[in-house]
Amino acid sequence: MRNDKENVIVDKIINFSLAIIKYCEVLEQKRKCVIAKQLLRSATSIGANVFEAQNAESKADFIHKMKIAAKESSETLYWLILCERREGYHFDIA
């Protein structure tokens, strides 16, 4: 990371990724493996890109990585909406 300061965004995205991992385990137990796999990939990709952006080579590189994270979060929302509407599996980060 760039410095030793606490980074609220990085902390939140790590917690989000951990919550998604738990949620996907529940989906897999209910034999929703395809959706679980897609959700896990897109959701953890958000964190990977945010984390990587912390060491961007330039401002443009930082913006690019954060835009990728934004796209992945949009895809993640799509998978979560499908889960909620189809199966009634509500995702709760708490």
PDB file of N, CA and C in Angstrom:
ATOM      1  N   MET A   1       0.837  -1.176   0.000  1.00  0.00           N
ATOM      2  CA  MET A   1       0.000   0.000   0.000  1.00  0.00           C
ATOM      3  C   MET A   1       0.885   1.242   0.000  1.00  0.00           C
ATOM      4  N   ARG A   2       0.296   2.321  -0.362  1.00  0.00           N
ATOM      5  CA  ARG A   2       1.065   3.558  -0.467  1.00  0.00           C
ATOM      6  C   ARG A   2       1.596   4.058   0.855  1.00  0.00           C
ATOM      7  N   ASN A   3       0.785   3.949   1.895  1.00  0.00           N
ATOM      8  CA  ASN A   3       1.226   4.447   3.195  1.00  0.00           C
ATOM      9  C   ASN A   3       0.579   3.620   4.296  1.00  0.00           C
ATOM     10  N   ASP A   4       0.884   3.983   5.506  1.00  0.00           N
ATOM     11  CA  ASP A   4       0.383   3.212   6.645  1.00  0.00           C
ATOM     12  C   ASP A   4      -0.945   3.732   7.185  1.00  0.00           C
ATOM     13  N   LYS A   5      -1.513   4.735   6.550  1.00  0.00           N
ATOM     14  CA  LYS A   5      -2.796   5.270   7.002  1.00  0.00           C
ATOM     15  C   LYS A   5      -3.902   4.245   6.794  1.00  0.00           C
ATOM     16  N   GLU A   6      -4.898   4.300   7.683  1.00  0.00           N
ATOM     17  CA  GLU A   6      -6.058   3.438   7.520  1.00  0.00           C
ATOM     18  C   GLU A   6      -6.796   3.846   6.245  1.00  0.00           C
ATOM     19  N   ASN A   7      -7.189   2.868   5.477  1.00  0.00           N
ATOM     20  CA  ASN A   7      -7.917   3.133   4.244  1.00  0.00           C
ATOM     21  C   ASN A   7      -9.308   2.526   4.382  1.00  0.00           C
ATOM     22  N   VAL A   8     -10.291   3.364   4.631  1.00  0.00           N
ATOM     23  CA  VAL A   8     -11.654   2.912   4.897  1.00  0.00           C
ATOM     24  C   VAL A   8     -12.221   2.131   3.714  1.00  0.00           C
ATOM     25  N   ILE A   9     -11.957   2.582   2.512  1.00  0.00           N
ATOM     26  CA  ILE A   9     -12.494   1.910   1.326  1.00  0.00           C
ATOM     27  C   ILE A   9     -11.918   0.497   1.209  1.00  0.00           C
ATOM     28  N   VAL A  10     -10.629   0.357   1.391  1.00  0.00           N
ATOM     29  CA  VAL A  10     -10.003  -0.968   1.317  1.00  0.00           C
ATOM     30  C   VAL A  10     -10.559  -1.867   2.426  1.00  0.00           C
ATOM     31  N   ASP A  11     -10.682  -1.339   3.628  1.00  0.00           N
ATOM     32  CA  ASP A  11     -11.246  -2.132   4.735  1.00  0.00           C
ATOM     33  C   ASP A  11     -12.666  -2.594   4.420  1.00  0.00           C
ATOM     34  N   LYS A  12     -13.480  -1.697   3.898  1.00  0.00           N
ATOM     35  CA  LYS A  12     -14.862  -2.049   3.582  1.00  0.00           C
ATOM     36  C   LYS A  12     -14.950  -3.080   2.462  1.00  0.00           C
ATOM     37  N   ILE A  13     -14.115  -2.949   1.448  1.00  0.00           N
ATOM     38  CA  ILE A  13     -14.194  -3.890   0.335  1.00  0.00           C
ATOM     39  C   ILE A  13     -13.696  -5.269   0.741  1.00  0.00           C
ATOM     40  N   ILE A  14     -12.732  -5.328   1.649  1.00  0.00           N
ATOM     41  CA  ILE A  14     -12.287  -6.630   2.162  1.00  0.00           C
ATOM     42  C   ILE A  14     -13.414  -7.281   2.956  1.00  0.00           C
ATOM     43  N   ASN A  15     -14.078  -6.510   3.807  1.00  0.00           N
ATOM     44  CA  ASN A  15     -15.211  -7.047   4.571  1.00  0.00           C
ATOM     45  C   ASN A  15     -16.346  -7.487   3.641  1.00  0.00           C
ATOM     46  N   PHE A  16     -16.597  -6.714   2.600  1.00  0.00           N
ATOM     47  CA  PHE A  16     -17.622  -7.073   1.621  1.00  0.00           C
ATOM     48  C   PHE A  16     -17.267  -8.391   0.935  1.00  0.00           C
ATOM     49  N   SER A  17     -16.016  -8.525   0.515  1.00  0.00           N
ATOM     50  CA  SER A  17     -15.580  -9.747  -0.152  1.00  0.00           C
ATOM     51  C   SER A  17     -15.729 -10.960   0.762  1.00  0.00           C
ATOM     52  N   LEU A  18     -15.394 -10.810   2.030  1.00  0.00           N
ATOM     53  CA  LEU A  18     -15.545 -11.912   2.983  1.00  0.00           C
ATOM     54  C   LEU A  18     -17.011 -12.288   3.167  1.00  0.00           C
ATOM     55  N   ALA A  19     -17.885 -11.282   3.202  1.00  0.00           N
ATOM     56  CA  ALA A  19     -19.324 -11.550   3.323  1.00  0.00           C
ATOM     57  C   ALA A  19     -19.842 -12.263   2.072  1.00  0.00           C
ATOM     58  N   ILE A  20     -19.361 -11.865   0.907  1.00  0.00           N
ATOM     59  CA  ILE A  20     -19.765 -12.520  -0.345  1.00  0.00           C
ATOM     60  C   ILE A  20     -19.312 -13.979  -0.356  1.00  0.00           C
ATOM     61  N   ILE A  21     -18.111 -14.236   0.126  1.00  0.00           N
ATOM     62  CA  ILE A  21     -17.620 -15.612   0.178  1.00  0.00           C
ATOM     63  C   ILE A  21     -18.567 -16.474   1.011  1.00  0.00           C
ATOM     64  N   LYS A  22     -18.976 -15.968   2.168  1.00  0.00           N
ATOM     65  CA  LYS A  22     -19.931 -16.704   3.019  1.00  0.00           C
ATOM     66  C   LYS A  22     -21.252 -16.928   2.294  1.00  0.00           C
ATOM     67  N   TYR A  23     -21.747 -15.887   1.651  1.00  0.00           N
ATOM     68  CA  TYR A  23     -23.017 -15.965   0.929  1.00  0.00           C
ATOM     69  C   TYR A  23     -22.937 -16.986  -0.196  1.00  0.00           C
ATOM     70  N   CYS A  24     -21.829 -17.011  -0.915  1.00  0.00           N
ATOM     71  CA  CYS A  24     -21.663 -17.962  -2.015  1.00  0.00           C
ATOM     72  C   CYS A  24     -21.594 -19.397  -1.493  1.00  0.00           C
ATOM     73  N   GLU A  25     -21.047 -19.581  -0.318  1.00  0.00           N
ATOM     74  CA  GLU A  25     -21.041 -20.917   0.287  1.00  0.00           C
ATOM     75  C   GLU A  25     -22.469 -21.389   0.535  1.00  0.00           C
ATOM     76  N   VAL A  26     -23.334 -20.481   0.979  1.00  0.00           N
ATOM     77  CA  VAL A  26     -24.752 -20.814   1.179  1.00  0.00           C
ATOM     78  C   VAL A  26     -25.397 -21.167  -0.159  1.00  0.00           C
ATOM     79  N   LEU A  27     -25.111 -20.373  -1.186  1.00  0.00           N
ATOM     80  CA  LEU A  27     -25.667 -20.650  -2.514  1.00  0.00           C
ATOM     81  C   LEU A  27     -25.210 -22.019  -3.021  1.00  0.00           C
ATOM     82  N   GLU A  28     -23.955 -22.344  -2.807  1.00  0.00           N
ATOM     83  CA  GLU A  28     -23.448 -23.641  -3.258  1.00  0.00           C
ATOM     84  C   GLU A  28     -24.133 -24.794  -2.517  1.00  0.00           C
ATOM     85  N   GLN A  29     -24.411 -24.608  -1.238  1.00  0.00           N
ATOM     86  CA  GLN A  29     -25.128 -25.633  -0.472  1.00  0.00           C
ATOM     87  C   GLN A  29     -26.526 -25.853  -1.038  1.00  0.00           C
ATOM     88  N   LYS A  30     -27.091 -24.799  -1.603  1.00  0.00           N
ATOM     89  CA  LYS A  30     -28.427 -24.893  -2.193  1.00  0.00           C
ATOM     90  C   LYS A  30     -28.345 -25.246  -3.681  1.00  0.00           C
ATOM     91  N   ARG A  31     -27.174 -25.682  -4.108  1.00  0.00           N
ATOM     92  CA  ARG A  31     -26.926 -26.118  -5.489  1.00  0.00           C
ATOM     93  C   ARG A  31     -27.124 -24.995  -6.518  1.00  0.00           C
ATOM     94  N   LYS A  32     -26.781 -23.803  -6.147  1.00  0.00           N
ATOM     95  CA  LYS A  32     -26.806 -22.653  -7.059  1.00  0.00           C
ATOM     96  C   LYS A  32     -25.364 -22.308  -7.440  1.00  0.00           C
ATOM     97  N   CYS A  33     -24.639 -23.323  -7.873  1.00  0.00           N
ATOM     98  CA  CYS A  33     -23.195 -23.204  -8.083  1.00  0.00           C
ATOM     99  C   CYS A  33     -22.808 -22.240  -9.202  1.00  0.00           C
ATOM    100  N   VAL A  34     -23.576 -22.217 -10.283  1.00  0.00           N
ATOM    101  CA  VAL A  34     -23.231 -21.340 -11.405  1.00  0.00           C
ATOM    102  C   VAL A  34     -23.330 -19.880 -10.979  1.00  0.00           C
ATOM    103  N   ILE A  35     -24.420 -19.531 -10.341  1.00  0.00           N
ATOM    104  CA  ILE A  35     -24.592 -18.151  -9.873  1.00  0.00           C
ATOM    105  C   ILE A  35     -23.562 -17.830  -8.796  1.00  0.00           C
ATOM    106  N   ALA A  36     -23.329 -18.770  -7.888  1.00  0.00           N
ATOM    107  CA  ALA A  36     -22.342 -18.549  -6.825  1.00  0.00           C
ATOM    108  C   ALA A  36     -20.967 -18.254  -7.413  1.00  0.00           C
ATOM    109  N   LYS A  37     -20.596 -19.002  -8.442  1.00  0.00           N
ATOM    110  CA  LYS A  37     -19.284 -18.812  -9.065  1.00  0.00           C
ATOM    111  C   LYS A  37     -19.181 -17.436  -9.738  1.00  0.00           C
ATOM    112  N   GLN A  38     -20.226 -17.050 -10.459  1.00  0.00           N
ATOM    113  CA  GLN A  38     -20.234 -15.741 -11.137  1.00  0.00           C
ATOM    114  C   GLN A  38     -20.194 -14.597 -10.114  1.00  0.00           C
ATOM    115  N   LEU A  39     -21.015 -14.729  -9.087  1.00  0.00           N
ATOM    116  CA  LEU A  39     -21.067 -13.706  -8.038  1.00  0.00           C
ATOM    117  C   LEU A  39     -19.727 -13.592  -7.331  1.00  0.00           C
ATOM    118  N   LEU A  40     -19.135 -14.719  -6.989  1.00  0.00           N
ATOM    119  CA  LEU A  40     -17.855 -14.715  -6.298  1.00  0.00           C
ATOM    120  C   LEU A  40     -16.774 -14.045  -7.138  1.00  0.00           C
ATOM    121  N   ARG A  41     -16.755 -14.356  -8.424  1.00  0.00           N
ATOM    122  CA  ARG A  41     -15.738 -13.757  -9.310  1.00  0.00           C
ATOM    123  C   ARG A  41     -15.904 -12.241  -9.418  1.00  0.00           C
ATOM    124  N   SER A  42     -17.124 -11.788  -9.687  1.00  0.00           N
ATOM    125  CA  SER A  42     -17.313 -10.344  -9.882  1.00  0.00           C
ATOM    126  C   SER A  42     -17.103  -9.575  -8.579  1.00  0.00           C
ATOM    127  N   ALA A  43     -17.615 -10.105  -7.475  1.00  0.00           N
ATOM    128  CA  ALA A  43     -17.518  -9.394  -6.198  1.00  0.00           C
ATOM    129  C   ALA A  43     -16.085  -9.302  -5.692  1.00  0.00           C
ATOM    130  N   THR A  44     -15.341 -10.396  -5.788  1.00  0.00           N
ATOM    131  CA  THR A  44     -13.958 -10.342  -5.309  1.00  0.00           C
ATOM    132  C   THR A  44     -13.067  -9.559  -6.266  1.00  0.00           C
ATOM    133  N   SER A  45     -13.477  -9.447  -7.518  1.00  0.00           N
ATOM    134  CA  SER A  45     -12.729  -8.636  -8.473  1.00  0.00           C
ATOM    135  C   SER A  45     -12.797  -7.147  -8.110  1.00  0.00           C
ATOM    136  N   ILE A  46     -13.907  -6.741  -7.517  1.00  0.00           N
ATOM    137  CA  ILE A  46     -14.012  -5.337  -7.061  1.00  0.00           C
ATOM    138  C   ILE A  46     -12.853  -5.046  -6.122  1.00  0.00           C
ATOM    139  N   GLY A  47     -12.723  -5.888  -5.111  1.00  0.00           N
ATOM    140  CA  GLY A  47     -11.670  -5.696  -4.118  1.00  0.00           C
ATOM    141  C   GLY A  47     -10.280  -5.770  -4.707  1.00  0.00           C
ATOM    142  N   ALA A  48     -10.076  -6.710  -5.611  1.00  0.00           N
ATOM    143  CA  ALA A  48      -8.754  -6.853  -6.225  1.00  0.00           C
ATOM    144  C   ALA A  48      -8.364  -5.578  -6.978  1.00  0.00           C
ATOM    145  N   ASN A  49      -9.322  -5.005  -7.691  1.00  0.00           N
ATOM    146  CA  ASN A  49      -9.024  -3.785  -8.448  1.00  0.00           C
ATOM    147  C   ASN A  49      -8.847  -2.573  -7.544  1.00  0.00           C
ATOM    148  N   VAL A  50      -9.653  -2.459  -6.513  1.00  0.00           N
ATOM    149  CA  VAL A  50      -9.494  -1.354  -5.559  1.00  0.00           C
ATOM    150  C   VAL A  50      -8.140  -1.470  -4.863  1.00  0.00           C
ATOM    151  N   PHE A  51      -7.814  -2.684  -4.452  1.00  0.00           N
ATOM    152  CA  PHE A  51      -6.546  -2.931  -3.774  1.00  0.00           C
ATOM    153  C   PHE A  51      -5.376  -2.593  -4.687  1.00  0.00           C
ATOM    154  N   GLU A  52      -5.465  -3.039  -5.932  1.00  0.00           N
ATOM    155  CA  GLU A  52      -4.410  -2.765  -6.909  1.00  0.00           C
ATOM    156  C   GLU A  52      -4.291  -1.267  -7.206  1.00  0.00           C
ATOM    157  N   ALA A  53      -5.404  -0.571  -7.210  1.00  0.00           N
ATOM    158  CA  ALA A  53      -5.396   0.875  -7.488  1.00  0.00           C
ATOM    159  C   ALA A  53      -4.598   1.651  -6.447  1.00  0.00           C
ATOM    160  N   GLN A  54      -4.464   1.097  -5.261  1.00  0.00           N
ATOM    161  CA  GLN A  54      -3.725   1.786  -4.206  1.00  0.00           C
ATOM    162  C   GLN A  54      -2.257   1.957  -4.557  1.00  0.00           C
ATOM    163  N   ASN A  55      -1.773   1.133  -5.466  1.00  0.00           N
ATOM    164  CA  ASN A  55      -0.378   1.231  -5.908  1.00  0.00           C
ATOM    165  C   ASN A  55      -0.288   1.577  -7.387  1.00  0.00           C
ATOM    166  N   ALA A  56      -1.234   2.347  -7.856  1.00  0.00           N
ATOM    167  CA  ALA A  56      -1.259   2.738  -9.269  1.00  0.00           C
ATOM    168  C   ALA A  56       0.015   3.502  -9.646  1.00  0.00           C
ATOM    169  N   GLU A  57       0.378   3.356 -10.901  1.00  0.00           N
ATOM    170  CA  GLU A  57       1.580   4.016 -11.392  1.00  0.00           C
ATOM    171  C   GLU A  57       1.357   5.496 -11.699  1.00  0.00           C
ATOM    172  N   SER A  58       0.101   5.854 -11.895  1.00  0.00           N
ATOM    173  CA  SER A  58      -0.221   7.251 -12.212  1.00  0.00           C
ATOM    174  C   SER A  58      -1.674   7.520 -11.813  1.00  0.00           C
ATOM    175  N   LYS A  59      -2.063   8.767 -11.876  1.00  0.00           N
ATOM    176  CA  LYS A  59      -3.456   9.122 -11.599  1.00  0.00           C
ATOM    177  C   LYS A  59      -4.386   8.437 -12.606  1.00  0.00           C
ATOM    178  N   ALA A  60      -3.972   8.425 -13.865  1.00  0.00           N
ATOM    179  CA  ALA A  60      -4.785   7.771 -14.917  1.00  0.00           C
ATOM    180  C   ALA A  60      -4.919   6.274 -14.650  1.00  0.00           C
ATOM    181  N   ASP A  61      -3.851   5.645 -14.191  1.00  0.00           N
ATOM    182  CA  ASP A  61      -3.881   4.220 -13.872  1.00  0.00           C
ATOM    183  C   ASP A  61      -4.827   3.969 -12.690  1.00  0.00           C
ATOM    184  N   PHE A  62      -4.779   4.836 -11.689  1.00  0.00           N
ATOM    185  CA  PHE A  62      -5.679   4.732 -10.532  1.00  0.00           C
ATOM    186  C   PHE A  62      -7.140   4.821 -10.992  1.00  0.00           C
ATOM    187  N   ILE A  63      -7.433   5.815 -11.813  1.00  0.00           N
ATOM    188  CA  ILE A  63      -8.800   6.006 -12.310  1.00  0.00           C
ATOM    189  C   ILE A  63      -9.249   4.793 -13.114  1.00  0.00           C
ATOM    190  N   HIS A  64      -8.379   4.285 -13.954  1.00  0.00           N
ATOM    191  CA  HIS A  64      -8.712   3.115 -14.776  1.00  0.00           C
ATOM    192  C   HIS A  64      -9.072   1.913 -13.895  1.00  0.00           C
ATOM    193  N   LYS A  65      -8.260   1.640 -12.885  1.00  0.00           N
ATOM    194  CA  LYS A  65      -8.515   0.498 -12.006  1.00  0.00           C
ATOM    195  C   LYS A  65      -9.805   0.690 -11.210  1.00  0.00           C
ATOM    196  N   MET A  66     -10.074   1.910 -10.778  1.00  0.00           N
ATOM    197  CA  MET A  66     -11.301   2.177 -10.033  1.00  0.00           C
ATOM    198  C   MET A  66     -12.528   2.058 -10.941  1.00  0.00           C
ATOM    199  N   LYS A  67     -12.386   2.415 -12.223  1.00  0.00           N
ATOM    200  CA  LYS A  67     -13.495   2.240 -13.175  1.00  0.00           C
ATOM    201  C   LYS A  67     -13.782   0.765 -13.405  1.00  0.00           C
ATOM    202  N   ILE A  68     -12.739  -0.046 -13.459  1.00  0.00           N
ATOM    203  CA  ILE A  68     -12.944  -1.492 -13.581  1.00  0.00           C
ATOM    204  C   ILE A  68     -13.680  -2.007 -12.346  1.00  0.00           C
ATOM    205  N   ALA A  69     -13.284  -1.535 -11.172  1.00  0.00           N
ATOM    206  CA  ALA A  69     -13.964  -1.932  -9.936  1.00  0.00           C
ATOM    207  C   ALA A  69     -15.435  -1.525  -9.978  1.00  0.00           C
ATOM    208  N   ALA A  70     -15.721  -0.354 -10.520  1.00  0.00           N
ATOM    209  CA  ALA A  70     -17.114   0.105 -10.631  1.00  0.00           C
ATOM    210  C   ALA A  70     -17.914  -0.808 -11.571  1.00  0.00           C
ATOM    211  N   LYS A  71     -17.305  -1.227 -12.671  1.00  0.00           N
ATOM    212  CA  LYS A  71     -17.984  -2.151 -13.593  1.00  0.00           C
ATOM    213  C   LYS A  71     -18.259  -3.485 -12.909  1.00  0.00           C
ATOM    214  N   GLU A  72     -17.290  -3.976 -12.165  1.00  0.00           N
ATOM    215  CA  GLU A  72     -17.460  -5.242 -11.458  1.00  0.00           C
ATOM    216  C   GLU A  72     -18.547  -5.135 -10.389  1.00  0.00           C
ATOM    217  N   SER A  73     -18.646  -3.968  -9.759  1.00  0.00           N
ATOM    218  CA  SER A  73     -19.699  -3.805  -8.747  1.00  0.00           C
ATOM    219  C   SER A  73     -21.076  -3.778  -9.396  1.00  0.00           C
ATOM    220  N   SER A  74     -21.160  -3.252 -10.597  1.00  0.00           N
ATOM    221  CA  SER A  74     -22.418  -3.279 -11.334  1.00  0.00           C
ATOM    222  C   SER A  74     -22.812  -4.715 -11.670  1.00  0.00           C
ATOM    223  N   GLU A  75     -21.845  -5.510 -12.108  1.00  0.00           N
ATOM    224  CA  GLU A  75     -22.126  -6.915 -12.402  1.00  0.00           C
ATOM    225  C   GLU A  75     -22.518  -7.664 -11.124  1.00  0.00           C
ATOM    226  N   THR A  76     -21.842  -7.360 -10.030  1.00  0.00           N
ATOM    227  CA  THR A  76     -22.159  -7.999  -8.749  1.00  0.00           C
ATOM    228  C   THR A  76     -23.589  -7.693  -8.333  1.00  0.00           C
ATOM    229  N   LEU A  77     -23.994  -6.452  -8.511  1.00  0.00           N
ATOM    230  CA  LEU A  77     -25.369  -6.075  -8.198  1.00  0.00           C
ATOM    231  C   LEU A  77     -26.352  -6.887  -9.036  1.00  0.00           C
ATOM    232  N   TYR A  78     -26.047  -7.083 -10.300  1.00  0.00           N
ATOM    233  CA  TYR A  78     -26.887  -7.895 -11.186  1.00  0.00           C
ATOM    234  C   TYR A  78     -27.088  -9.303 -10.601  1.00  0.00           C
ATOM    235  N   TRP A  79     -25.992  -9.963 -10.207  1.00  0.00           N
ATOM    236  CA  TRP A  79     -26.093 -11.318  -9.667  1.00  0.00           C
ATOM    237  C   TRP A  79     -26.871 -11.333  -8.355  1.00  0.00           C
ATOM    238  N   LEU A  80     -26.679 -10.319  -7.529  1.00  0.00           N
ATOM    239  CA  LEU A  80     -27.418 -10.259  -6.269  1.00  0.00           C
ATOM    240  C   LEU A  80     -28.919 -10.051  -6.502  1.00  0.00           C
ATOM    241  N   ILE A  81     -29.261  -9.233  -7.488  1.00  0.00           N
ATOM    242  CA  ILE A  81     -30.677  -9.030  -7.841  1.00  0.00           C
ATOM    243  C   ILE A  81     -31.283 -10.336  -8.335  1.00  0.00           C
ATOM    244  N   LEU A  82     -30.559 -11.071  -9.164  1.00  0.00           N
ATOM    245  CA  LEU A  82     -31.057 -12.369  -9.626  1.00  0.00           C
ATOM    246  C   LEU A  82     -31.319 -13.306  -8.453  1.00  0.00           C
ATOM    247  N   CYS A  83     -30.382 -13.353  -7.530  1.00  0.00           N
ATOM    248  CA  CYS A  83     -30.556 -14.227  -6.360  1.00  0.00           C
ATOM    249  C   CYS A  83     -31.788 -13.836  -5.564  1.00  0.00           C
ATOM    250  N   GLU A  84     -31.944 -12.565  -5.347  1.00  0.00           N
ATOM    251  CA  GLU A  84     -33.068 -12.098  -4.541  1.00  0.00           C
ATOM    252  C   GLU A  84     -34.405 -12.340  -5.237  1.00  0.00           C
ATOM    253  N   ARG A  85     -34.466 -12.052  -6.510  1.00  0.00           N
ATOM    254  CA  ARG A  85     -35.745 -12.189  -7.226  1.00  0.00           C
ATOM    255  C   ARG A  85     -36.107 -13.636  -7.519  1.00  0.00           C
ATOM    256  N   ARG A  86     -35.140 -14.461  -7.814  1.00  0.00           N
ATOM    257  CA  ARG A  86     -35.430 -15.844  -8.191  1.00  0.00           C
ATOM    258  C   ARG A  86     -35.644 -16.746  -6.984  1.00  0.00           C
ATOM    259  N   GLU A  87     -34.788 -16.612  -6.015  1.00  0.00           N
ATOM    260  CA  GLU A  87     -34.799 -17.560  -4.921  1.00  0.00           C
ATOM    261  C   GLU A  87     -35.162 -16.952  -3.572  1.00  0.00           C
ATOM    262  N   GLY A  88     -35.280 -15.652  -3.522  1.00  0.00           N
ATOM    263  CA  GLY A  88     -35.568 -15.009  -2.250  1.00  0.00           C
ATOM    264  C   GLY A  88     -34.382 -15.004  -1.301  1.00  0.00           C
ATOM    265  N   TYR A  89     -33.165 -15.208  -1.859  1.00  0.00           N
ATOM    266  CA  TYR A  89     -31.951 -15.185  -1.031  1.00  0.00           C
ATOM    267  C   TYR A  89     -31.491 -13.743  -0.892  1.00  0.00           C
ATOM    268  N   HIS A  90     -31.812 -13.144   0.194  1.00  0.00           N
ATOM    269  CA  HIS A  90     -31.415 -11.756   0.421  1.00  0.00           C
ATOM    270  C   HIS A  90     -30.023 -11.704   0.994  1.00  0.00           C
ATOM    271  N   PHE A  91     -29.148 -10.929   0.382  1.00  0.00           N
ATOM    272  CA  PHE A  91     -27.779 -10.768   0.855  1.00  0.00           C
ATOM    273  C   PHE A  91     -27.757  -9.714   1.929  1.00  0.00           C
ATOM    274  N   ASP A  92     -27.169 -10.057   3.058  1.00  0.00           N
ATOM    275  CA  ASP A  92     -27.060  -9.121   4.184  1.00  0.00           C
ATOM    276  C   ASP A  92     -25.593  -9.059   4.602  1.00  0.00           C
ATOM    277  N   ILE A  93     -24.998  -7.888   4.474  1.00  0.00           N
ATOM    278  CA  ILE A  93     -23.576  -7.750   4.782  1.00  0.00           C
ATOM    279  C   ILE A  93     -23.298  -7.714   6.282  1.00  0.00           C
ATOM    280  N   ALA A  94     -24.301  -7.478   7.091  1.00  0.00           N
ATOM    281  CA  ALA A  94     -24.090  -7.360   8.543  1.00  0.00           C
ATOM    282  C   ALA A  94     -23.679  -8.652   9.177  1.00  0.00           C
TER     283      ALA A  94
END
